[in-house]
Amino acid sequence: MAYTLRKKQYCVKQALLGLTPISAICRNRKVPRRTLYRWIDRYKQYGQLGLENKNPGVTKTKIKHILGRVHHPQTNGKIERWFGTYKTEYDERFNCLDEFVKFYNEIRIHQGINYTKPT
């Protein structure tokens, strides 16, 4: 459902100022609670632009943002696996993230390619 910018602004303002309980805002304005919390998060992160645009940080670069289900490895398993490796292998050997990425992409052996180094 499409909501006007004015409606979004009003709901977020009421919620952030604490003038009206979240449940009353959702009921009176016919906005799902989840949607209102999303607007609040976007407003806190991007300000006014967050209410105007669905993905304000992404549209400038023309990257297509695809949302995946939480804990759904078929959707985001590869990046989750990368972050798991990052958390377990990033240590004092690396001064910065760029060094780790270079190590991961060029030096480290990978199970998916029969324990060989990427070429």
C-alpha atoms as a PDB file:
ATOM      1  CA  MET A   1       0.000   0.000   0.000  1.00  0.00           C
ATOM      2  CA  ALA A   2       1.299   3.457  -0.870  1.00  0.00           C
ATOM      3  CA  TYR A   3       1.346   6.066   1.877  1.00  0.00           C
ATOM      4  CA  THR A   4       1.756   9.790   1.362  1.00  0.00           C
ATOM      5  CA  LEU A   5       4.874  11.530   2.587  1.00  0.00           C
ATOM      6  CA  ARG A   6       2.712  13.713   4.847  1.00  0.00           C
ATOM      7  CA  LYS A   7       1.174  10.651   6.508  1.00  0.00           C
ATOM      8  CA  LYS A   8       4.607   9.109   7.055  1.00  0.00           C
ATOM      9  CA  GLN A   9       5.935  12.338   8.555  1.00  0.00           C
ATOM     10  CA  TYR A  10       2.980  12.690  10.909  1.00  0.00           C
ATOM     11  CA  CYS A  11       3.187   9.111  12.159  1.00  0.00           C
ATOM     12  CA  VAL A  12       6.954   9.233  12.702  1.00  0.00           C
ATOM     13  CA  LYS A  13       6.742  12.587  14.483  1.00  0.00           C
ATOM     14  CA  GLN A  14       4.032  11.312  16.830  1.00  0.00           C
ATOM     15  CA  ALA A  15       6.009   8.166  17.565  1.00  0.00           C
ATOM     16  CA  LEU A  16       9.362   9.870  18.162  1.00  0.00           C
ATOM     17  CA  LEU A  17       7.920  12.607  20.351  1.00  0.00           C
ATOM     18  CA  GLY A  18       6.018  10.042  22.378  1.00  0.00           C
ATOM     19  CA  LEU A  19       2.807  12.050  22.071  1.00  0.00           C
ATOM     20  CA  THR A  20       0.766   9.013  21.126  1.00  0.00           C
ATOM     21  CA  PRO A  21       1.343   5.317  21.813  1.00  0.00           C
ATOM     22  CA  ILE A  22       2.551   3.293  18.812  1.00  0.00           C
ATOM     23  CA  SER A  23      -0.533   1.072  18.952  1.00  0.00           C
ATOM     24  CA  ALA A  24      -2.848   4.111  18.773  1.00  0.00           C
ATOM     25  CA  ILE A  25      -0.924   5.596  15.823  1.00  0.00           C
ATOM     26  CA  CYS A  26      -1.150   2.301  13.946  1.00  0.00           C
ATOM     27  CA  ARG A  27      -4.841   1.887  14.707  1.00  0.00           C
ATOM     28  CA  ASN A  28      -5.896   5.487  13.976  1.00  0.00           C
ATOM     29  CA  ARG A  29      -3.807   5.890  10.817  1.00  0.00           C
ATOM     30  CA  LYS A  30      -4.355   2.315   9.586  1.00  0.00           C
ATOM     31  CA  VAL A  31      -0.637   1.631   9.356  1.00  0.00           C
ATOM     32  CA  PRO A  32       0.800  -1.797  10.231  1.00  0.00           C
ATOM     33  CA  ARG A  33       3.122  -1.684  13.232  1.00  0.00           C
ATOM     34  CA  ARG A  34       5.955  -3.215  11.206  1.00  0.00           C
ATOM     35  CA  THR A  35       5.615  -0.486   8.577  1.00  0.00           C
ATOM     36  CA  LEU A  36       5.680   2.278  11.177  1.00  0.00           C
ATOM     37  CA  TYR A  37       8.845   0.861  12.769  1.00  0.00           C
ATOM     38  CA  ARG A  38      10.440   0.682   9.318  1.00  0.00           C
ATOM     39  CA  TRP A  39       9.620   4.355   8.737  1.00  0.00           C
ATOM     40  CA  ILE A  40      11.081   5.274  12.124  1.00  0.00           C
ATOM     41  CA  ASP A  41      14.290   3.344  11.397  1.00  0.00           C
ATOM     42  CA  ARG A  42      14.667   4.950   7.981  1.00  0.00           C
ATOM     43  CA  TYR A  43      13.992   8.397   9.390  1.00  0.00           C
ATOM     44  CA  LYS A  44      16.622   7.912  12.093  1.00  0.00           C
ATOM     45  CA  GLN A  45      19.178   6.719   9.561  1.00  0.00           C
ATOM     46  CA  TYR A  46      18.473   8.971   6.551  1.00  0.00           C
ATOM     47  CA  GLY A  47      16.328  11.789   7.913  1.00  0.00           C
ATOM     48  CA  GLN A  48      13.649  13.191   5.622  1.00  0.00           C
ATOM     49  CA  LEU A  49      15.119  11.349   2.634  1.00  0.00           C
ATOM     50  CA  GLY A  50      14.386   8.046   4.346  1.00  0.00           C
ATOM     51  CA  LEU A  51      10.674   8.753   4.227  1.00  0.00           C
ATOM     52  CA  GLU A  52      10.715   9.936   0.625  1.00  0.00           C
ATOM     53  CA  ASN A  53      12.612   7.099  -0.918  1.00  0.00           C
ATOM     54  CA  LYS A  54      12.385   3.350  -0.425  1.00  0.00           C
ATOM     55  CA  ASN A  55      16.167   2.740  -0.399  1.00  0.00           C
ATOM     56  CA  PRO A  56      17.848   6.154  -0.143  1.00  0.00           C
ATOM     57  CA  GLY A  57      21.388   4.851   0.262  1.00  0.00           C
ATOM     58  CA  VAL A  58      21.054   2.506  -2.702  1.00  0.00           C
ATOM     59  CA  THR A  59      19.316   4.596  -5.365  1.00  0.00           C
ATOM     60  CA  LYS A  60      22.233   6.992  -5.769  1.00  0.00           C
ATOM     61  CA  THR A  61      24.495   4.168  -6.923  1.00  0.00           C
ATOM     62  CA  LYS A  62      21.792   2.369  -8.956  1.00  0.00           C
ATOM     63  CA  ILE A  63      22.421  -0.868  -7.055  1.00  0.00           C
ATOM     64  CA  LYS A  64      19.412  -3.147  -6.927  1.00  0.00           C
ATOM     65  CA  HIS A  65      18.725  -3.940  -3.288  1.00  0.00           C
ATOM     66  CA  ILE A  66      17.219  -7.403  -2.828  1.00  0.00           C
ATOM     67  CA  LEU A  67      15.869  -8.263   0.595  1.00  0.00           C
ATOM     68  CA  GLY A  68      16.165 -11.871   1.693  1.00  0.00           C
ATOM     69  CA  ARG A  69      14.361 -13.689   4.452  1.00  0.00           C
ATOM     70  CA  VAL A  70      16.107 -13.804   7.812  1.00  0.00           C
ATOM     71  CA  HIS A  71      17.918 -17.111   8.532  1.00  0.00           C
ATOM     72  CA  HIS A  72      17.175 -18.369   5.028  1.00  0.00           C
ATOM     73  CA  PRO A  73      20.442 -19.798   3.671  1.00  0.00           C
ATOM     74  CA  GLN A  74      19.101 -20.285   0.162  1.00  0.00           C
ATOM     75  CA  THR A  75      18.752 -16.511  -0.111  1.00  0.00           C
ATOM     76  CA  ASN A  76      21.810 -15.121   1.649  1.00  0.00           C
ATOM     77  CA  GLY A  77      23.940 -18.134   2.520  1.00  0.00           C
ATOM     78  CA  LYS A  78      27.029 -17.105   0.573  1.00  0.00           C
ATOM     79  CA  ILE A  79      27.421 -13.744   2.267  1.00  0.00           C
ATOM     80  CA  GLU A  80      26.546 -15.245   5.663  1.00  0.00           C
ATOM     81  CA  ARG A  81      29.297 -17.853   5.101  1.00  0.00           C
ATOM     82  CA  TRP A  82      31.748 -15.077   4.194  1.00  0.00           C
ATOM     83  CA  PHE A  83      30.989 -13.171   7.382  1.00  0.00           C
ATOM     84  CA  GLY A  84      31.352 -16.400   9.375  1.00  0.00           C
ATOM     85  CA  THR A  85      34.804 -16.901   7.864  1.00  0.00           C
ATOM     86  CA  TYR A  86      35.656 -13.256   8.489  1.00  0.00           C
ATOM     87  CA  LYS A  87      34.721 -13.533  12.158  1.00  0.00           C
ATOM     88  CA  THR A  88      36.781 -16.687  12.708  1.00  0.00           C
ATOM     89  CA  GLU A  89      39.860 -15.893  10.595  1.00  0.00           C
ATOM     90  CA  TYR A  90      40.332 -12.129  10.906  1.00  0.00           C
ATOM     91  CA  ASP A  91      43.062 -11.596  13.453  1.00  0.00           C
ATOM     92  CA  GLU A  92      46.297  -9.723  14.088  1.00  0.00           C
ATOM     93  CA  ARG A  93      47.781 -10.874  10.771  1.00  0.00           C
ATOM     94  CA  PHE A  94      45.725  -8.217   9.035  1.00  0.00           C
ATOM     95  CA  ASN A  95      45.994  -4.495   9.608  1.00  0.00           C
ATOM     96  CA  CYS A  96      42.753  -3.688   7.816  1.00  0.00           C
ATOM     97  CA  LEU A  97      39.767  -5.230   6.077  1.00  0.00           C
ATOM     98  CA  ASP A  98      41.324  -4.719   2.625  1.00  0.00           C
ATOM     99  CA  GLU A  99      44.238  -6.982   3.569  1.00  0.00           C
ATOM    100  CA  PHE A 100      41.832  -9.697   4.709  1.00  0.00           C
ATOM    101  CA  VAL A 101      39.782  -9.431   1.497  1.00  0.00           C
ATOM    102  CA  LYS A 102      42.976  -9.743  -0.568  1.00  0.00           C
ATOM    103  CA  PHE A 103      43.987 -12.802   1.461  1.00  0.00           C
ATOM    104  CA  TYR A 104      40.511 -14.339   1.118  1.00  0.00           C
ATOM    105  CA  ASN A 105      40.256 -13.728  -2.637  1.00  0.00           C
ATOM    106  CA  GLU A 106      43.830 -14.537  -3.684  1.00  0.00           C
ATOM    107  CA  ILE A 107      45.675 -16.669  -1.120  1.00  0.00           C
ATOM    108  CA  ARG A 108      43.291 -18.677   1.076  1.00  0.00           C
ATOM    109  CA  ILE A 109      42.264 -22.154  -0.090  1.00  0.00           C
ATOM    110  CA  HIS A 110      38.529 -22.717  -0.615  1.00  0.00           C
ATOM    111  CA  GLN A 111      36.489 -25.865  -0.049  1.00  0.00           C
ATOM    112  CA  GLY A 112      34.136 -25.034  -2.934  1.00  0.00           C
ATOM    113  CA  ILE A 113      36.975 -25.330  -5.463  1.00  0.00           C
ATOM    114  CA  ASN A 114      38.507 -28.551  -4.161  1.00  0.00           C
ATOM    115  CA  TYR A 115      40.776 -26.895  -1.580  1.00  0.00           C
ATOM    116  CA  THR A 116      42.694 -24.873  -4.125  1.00  0.00           C
ATOM    117  CA  LYS A 117      43.510 -21.183  -4.265  1.00  0.00           C
ATOM    118  CA  PRO A 118      41.392 -18.938  -6.485  1.00  0.00           C
ATOM    119  CA  THR A 119      43.117 -18.061  -9.737  1.00  0.00           C
END
